[in-house]
């Protein structure tokens, strides 16, 4: 099953968007939007970025590299403990950007 977006009330008023994976694990939460219409527009922008945006590696050892290729299937956040320390294999090519 594909993931989905949820509109939720923000603590200080307005709305936030939560992105969940197919198993219901939280993947991301948005900034606060003032209206539901703005939150839905934020989802549209997130879909566009997810479909076309590059991945810029700003981690301490990424040195600003850009991952240009698609990355294959990844583990869910629940599986990250098992994946710690593993590097990307041939699934992605990292280039200086």
Protein backbone atom coordinates (compact mmCIF):
# COMPACT_ATOMS: atom_id res chain seq x y z
CA UNK A 1 0.00 0.00 0.00
CA UNK A 2 1.24 3.48 -0.83
CA UNK A 3 1.76 6.09 1.82
CA UNK A 4 -0.52 9.04 2.34
CA UNK A 5 -0.77 12.58 3.65
CA UNK A 6 -2.83 13.66 6.66
CA UNK A 7 -3.99 17.16 7.51
CA UNK A 8 -3.79 17.74 11.27
CA UNK A 9 -4.34 20.69 13.58
CA UNK A 10 -1.14 22.56 14.45
CA UNK A 11 -0.49 23.21 18.14
CA UNK A 12 -0.54 27.01 17.71
CA UNK A 13 -3.42 27.16 15.25
CA UNK A 14 -3.48 26.45 11.55
CA UNK A 15 -2.72 23.08 10.01
CA UNK A 16 0.19 20.76 9.38
CA UNK A 17 0.61 17.95 6.91
CA UNK A 18 1.98 14.59 7.99
CA UNK A 19 3.42 12.20 5.42
CA UNK A 20 3.13 8.54 6.38
CA UNK A 21 4.51 5.47 4.63
CA UNK A 22 2.41 2.45 3.66
CA UNK A 23 2.68 0.94 7.14
CA UNK A 24 1.62 4.17 8.86
CA UNK A 25 5.07 5.24 10.06
CA UNK A 26 5.66 8.98 10.14
CA UNK A 27 8.05 10.07 7.40
CA UNK A 28 7.77 13.87 7.61
CA UNK A 29 5.75 16.69 9.09
CA UNK A 30 5.32 20.07 7.48
CA UNK A 31 5.55 23.62 8.65
CA UNK A 32 2.34 25.21 9.90
CA UNK A 33 -0.04 26.43 7.21
CA UNK A 34 -2.63 29.10 8.04
CA UNK A 35 -5.50 27.41 6.15
CA UNK A 36 -6.50 23.99 4.87
CA UNK A 37 -6.28 25.34 1.33
CA UNK A 38 -2.66 26.36 1.95
CA UNK A 39 -1.92 22.93 3.46
CA UNK A 40 -3.35 21.18 0.40
CA UNK A 41 -1.22 23.44 -1.82
CA UNK A 42 1.75 22.37 0.32
CA UNK A 43 0.94 18.72 -0.43
CA UNK A 44 0.87 19.52 -4.15
CA UNK A 45 4.30 21.15 -3.84
CA UNK A 46 5.65 18.18 -1.85
CA UNK A 47 4.44 15.81 -4.58
CA UNK A 48 6.19 17.90 -7.23
CA UNK A 49 9.43 18.06 -5.26
CA UNK A 50 9.32 14.35 -4.44
CA UNK A 51 8.85 13.47 -8.10
CA UNK A 52 11.50 15.74 -9.56
CA UNK A 53 13.76 17.12 -6.82
CA UNK A 54 17.38 16.12 -6.38
CA UNK A 55 18.62 14.83 -3.04
CA UNK A 56 21.26 17.18 -1.63
CA UNK A 57 23.40 15.46 0.97
CA UNK A 58 23.98 18.02 3.75
CA UNK A 59 25.13 15.43 6.28
CA UNK A 60 28.51 15.83 7.97
CA UNK A 61 30.20 13.43 5.53
CA UNK A 62 28.18 14.35 2.44
CA UNK A 63 30.12 17.50 1.54
CA UNK A 64 27.17 18.89 -0.41
CA UNK A 65 27.01 15.99 -2.86
CA UNK A 66 23.92 15.49 -4.98
CA UNK A 67 22.41 12.04 -5.41
CA UNK A 68 21.33 12.05 -9.04
CA UNK A 69 20.05 8.51 -9.56
CA UNK A 70 16.97 6.92 -8.10
CA UNK A 71 17.55 4.97 -4.93
CA UNK A 72 16.01 1.52 -4.88
CA UNK A 73 13.71 0.18 -2.17
CA UNK A 74 14.66 1.32 1.30
CA UNK A 75 13.94 0.01 4.75
CA UNK A 76 11.25 1.60 6.84
CA UNK A 77 12.35 3.87 9.69
CA UNK A 78 11.70 0.95 12.06
CA UNK A 79 14.48 -0.99 10.32
CA UNK A 80 17.15 1.70 10.58
CA UNK A 81 18.91 0.08 13.55
CA UNK A 82 19.71 -2.93 11.39
CA UNK A 83 20.87 -0.72 8.53
CA UNK A 84 23.19 1.55 10.52
CA UNK A 85 26.68 1.65 9.15
CA UNK A 86 25.74 0.28 5.75
CA UNK A 87 26.66 2.38 2.75
CA UNK A 88 24.62 2.74 -0.43
CA UNK A 89 25.60 0.09 -2.89
CA UNK A 90 25.09 0.58 -6.61
CA UNK A 91 21.57 1.87 -5.96
CA UNK A 92 22.60 5.49 -6.13
CA UNK A 93 25.42 7.47 -7.62
CA UNK A 94 26.63 10.43 -5.60
CA UNK A 95 28.31 13.25 -7.45
CA UNK A 96 29.72 16.57 -6.32
CA UNK A 97 27.17 19.26 -6.77
